Amino acid sequence: MEFQQVERVVKISMDDGRYRGIKDEIVRLEAAIPGIGGMYIDGGEVVIYAPRDAVREDVISALAHAAESMAITPDLRAQLARGDRIRLKPANFALSQLLTWERALEDSVARVAGFTGINADESLNQIRINVADPATVPEIEPLVVAAGVPLDAVAFRIAPMPVAS
């Protein structure tokens, strides 16, 4: 994806005024690491979904530089700055693209009985759609396709309806 396209997708994904915590920080990283698809902690190791053609040293350097201004814990900032315990996984999708697709889907899928939630999941590098019953999945898949979202960008999870307390 060219830088201007990345800049536009990042702007669209962040223009809705929602605060997404670490997701906002990951999307900001896209200026330094175009195509970054997620970041999460796994057993003390920072896992980064990096573009398939990314050079490890370039990603580590960009993370170290960006860590200075990220709204993250001091321990995570130090770990990124040192380049310590960082594992790269190949990204299929930029997180900014996943957030854009999530916004495109949320209204239509929310109308389906059995839908329980949607999330651009930075630990999966996919949009996670939660449903109460697996029988709901075939009802949602055409909505995903109609929104222009590739089916391989979506992971379905069986999750019960939240109960009001």
Protein backbone atom coordinates (compact mmCIF):
# COMPACT_ATOMS: atom_id res chain seq x y z
CA MET A 1 0.00 0.00 0.00
CA GLU A 2 1.42 3.43 -0.93
CA PHE A 3 2.03 5.99 1.84
CA GLN A 4 -0.84 8.27 0.73
CA GLN A 5 -3.26 5.33 0.82
CA VAL A 6 -1.96 4.36 4.29
CA GLU A 7 -2.37 7.95 5.49
CA ARG A 8 -5.98 8.05 4.20
CA VAL A 9 -6.93 4.69 5.76
CA VAL A 10 -5.33 5.70 9.08
CA LYS A 11 -7.27 8.99 9.03
CA ILE A 12 -10.57 7.22 8.26
CA SER A 13 -10.01 4.61 10.95
CA MET A 14 -9.27 7.27 13.59
CA ASP A 15 -11.74 10.02 12.59
CA ASP A 16 -14.77 8.70 14.42
CA GLY A 17 -13.69 10.19 17.77
CA ARG A 18 -13.55 6.81 19.54
CA TYR A 19 -10.66 6.11 21.86
CA ARG A 20 -9.39 2.59 21.29
CA GLY A 21 -6.37 2.56 23.60
CA ILE A 22 -3.53 0.44 22.22
CA LYS A 23 -5.27 0.16 18.86
CA ASP A 24 -4.88 3.91 18.36
CA GLU A 25 -1.18 3.57 19.16
CA ILE A 26 -0.79 0.71 16.68
CA VAL A 27 -2.56 2.70 13.96
CA ARG A 28 -0.19 5.64 14.62
CA LEU A 29 2.72 3.21 14.14
CA GLU A 30 1.52 2.70 10.59
CA ALA A 31 3.27 5.94 9.59
CA ALA A 32 6.58 4.25 10.50
CA ILE A 33 5.62 0.64 9.72
CA PRO A 34 3.08 0.69 6.86
CA GLY A 35 0.86 -2.36 7.07
CA ILE A 36 1.36 -3.13 10.77
CA GLY A 37 -1.49 -5.42 11.67
CA GLY A 38 -1.42 -5.66 15.44
CA MET A 39 0.60 -5.82 18.61
CA TYR A 40 -0.02 -7.75 21.80
CA ILE A 41 1.81 -9.26 24.77
CA ASP A 42 2.22 -13.03 25.02
CA GLY A 43 4.07 -14.26 28.10
CA GLY A 44 6.21 -11.14 28.35
CA GLU A 45 7.03 -11.18 24.66
CA VAL A 46 5.72 -8.38 22.40
CA VAL A 47 4.19 -9.92 19.30
CA ILE A 48 3.96 -7.66 16.25
CA TYR A 49 2.01 -8.45 13.08
CA ALA A 50 4.40 -6.92 10.56
CA PRO A 51 4.10 -6.74 6.77
CA ARG A 52 5.35 -9.91 5.12
CA ASP A 53 8.15 -8.06 3.34
CA ALA A 54 9.28 -6.14 6.43
CA VAL A 55 12.90 -6.33 7.49
CA ARG A 56 13.13 -7.25 11.16
CA GLU A 57 15.83 -4.68 11.96
CA ASP A 58 13.74 -1.91 10.34
CA VAL A 59 10.65 -2.86 12.35
CA ILE A 60 12.63 -3.00 15.62
CA SER A 61 14.20 0.38 14.86
CA ALA A 62 10.83 1.96 14.02
CA LEU A 63 9.32 0.53 17.22
CA ALA A 64 12.18 1.86 19.33
CA HIS A 65 11.79 5.33 17.86
CA ALA A 66 7.99 5.35 18.07
CA ALA A 67 7.95 4.02 21.66
CA GLU A 68 9.14 7.42 22.91
CA SER A 69 5.80 9.05 22.11
CA MET A 70 3.38 6.14 22.56
CA ALA A 71 0.77 6.16 25.32
CA ILE A 72 1.92 2.86 26.81
CA THR A 73 3.29 1.67 30.13
CA PRO A 74 6.89 2.60 30.99
CA ASP A 75 7.85 -1.10 31.01
CA LEU A 76 6.47 -1.68 27.51
CA ARG A 77 8.10 1.55 26.28
CA ALA A 78 11.46 0.35 27.62
CA GLN A 79 11.02 -3.11 26.09
CA LEU A 80 10.23 -1.63 22.66
CA ALA A 81 13.10 0.86 22.94
CA ARG A 82 15.54 -1.98 23.69
CA GLY A 83 14.08 -4.24 21.00
CA ASP A 84 13.92 -6.90 23.70
CA ARG A 85 11.69 -10.00 23.41
CA ILE A 86 9.92 -8.95 20.23
CA ARG A 87 8.48 -11.59 17.91
CA LEU A 88 7.28 -10.75 14.39
CA LYS A 89 4.39 -12.56 12.77
CA PRO A 90 3.29 -11.99 9.16
CA ALA A 91 0.35 -9.60 8.86
CA ASN A 92 -2.37 -10.31 6.35
CA PHE A 93 -4.11 -6.98 7.00
CA ALA A 94 -3.17 -3.57 8.37
CA LEU A 95 -4.95 -2.83 11.65
CA SER A 96 -6.22 0.45 10.18
CA GLN A 97 -7.89 -1.55 7.39
CA LEU A 98 -9.44 -3.94 9.91
CA LEU A 99 -10.82 -0.97 11.89
CA THR A 100 -12.28 0.51 8.70
CA TRP A 101 -13.93 -2.81 7.84
CA GLU A 102 -15.20 -3.19 11.41
CA ARG A 103 -16.95 0.18 11.11
CA ALA A 104 -18.40 -0.83 7.73
CA LEU A 105 -19.83 -4.04 9.21
CA GLU A 106 -20.98 -3.12 12.69
CA ASP A 107 -24.43 -1.74 11.85
CA SER A 108 -25.46 -4.50 9.45
CA VAL A 109 -24.23 -7.44 11.53
CA ALA A 110 -25.66 -5.97 14.74
CA ARG A 111 -29.16 -6.47 13.27
CA VAL A 112 -28.69 -10.23 13.01
CA ALA A 113 -30.29 -12.22 15.83
CA GLY A 114 -27.56 -13.99 17.75
CA PHE A 115 -24.85 -11.40 17.05
CA THR A 116 -23.02 -10.62 20.31
CA GLY A 117 -20.10 -8.38 19.30
CA ILE A 118 -17.48 -7.25 16.81
CA ASN A 119 -13.85 -6.31 17.29
CA ALA A 120 -10.88 -5.56 15.06
CA ASP A 121 -8.67 -7.93 17.02
CA GLU A 122 -5.02 -6.90 17.09
CA SER A 123 -4.03 -10.31 18.47
CA LEU A 124 -5.65 -12.22 15.58
CA ASN A 125 -5.01 -9.77 12.75
CA GLN A 126 -8.67 -10.29 11.85
CA ILE A 127 -12.09 -8.90 12.65
CA ARG A 128 -13.62 -11.09 15.34
CA ILE A 129 -17.39 -11.44 15.10
CA ASN A 130 -19.01 -12.99 18.15
CA VAL A 131 -22.23 -14.96 17.77
CA ALA A 132 -24.31 -16.82 20.33
CA ASP A 133 -24.95 -19.76 18.00
CA PRO A 134 -22.87 -21.15 15.10
CA ALA A 135 -26.07 -21.25 13.02
CA THR A 136 -25.81 -17.45 12.82
CA VAL A 137 -22.55 -17.54 10.84
CA PRO A 138 -24.14 -18.31 7.41
CA GLU A 139 -26.47 -15.36 7.94
CA ILE A 140 -23.58 -12.97 8.60
CA GLU A 141 -21.15 -14.14 5.89
CA PRO A 142 -23.12 -12.54 3.00
CA LEU A 143 -23.15 -9.23 4.89
CA VAL A 144 -19.37 -9.43 5.19
CA VAL A 145 -19.00 -10.04 1.45
CA ALA A 146 -21.53 -7.28 0.60
CA ALA A 147 -19.46 -4.81 2.64
CA GLY A 148 -16.40 -5.67 0.55
CA VAL A 149 -14.62 -7.40 3.42
CA PRO A 150 -12.71 -10.57 2.53
CA LEU A 151 -14.00 -13.58 4.46
CA ASP A 152 -10.45 -14.47 5.48
CA ALA A 153 -10.31 -11.14 7.34
CA VAL A 154 -13.05 -12.41 9.68
CA ALA A 155 -12.94 -14.94 12.51
CA PHE A 156 -16.17 -16.08 14.11
CA ARG A 157 -16.26 -16.92 17.81
CA ILE A 158 -19.12 -18.47 19.72
CA ALA A 159 -19.80 -16.15 22.63
CA PRO A 160 -23.00 -16.05 24.68
CA MET A 161 -25.24 -13.01 24.80
CA PRO A 162 -24.22 -10.64 27.59
CA VAL A 163 -26.57 -10.79 30.54
CA ALA A 164 -27.63 -7.50 32.11
CA SER A 165 -27.07 -7.44 35.83
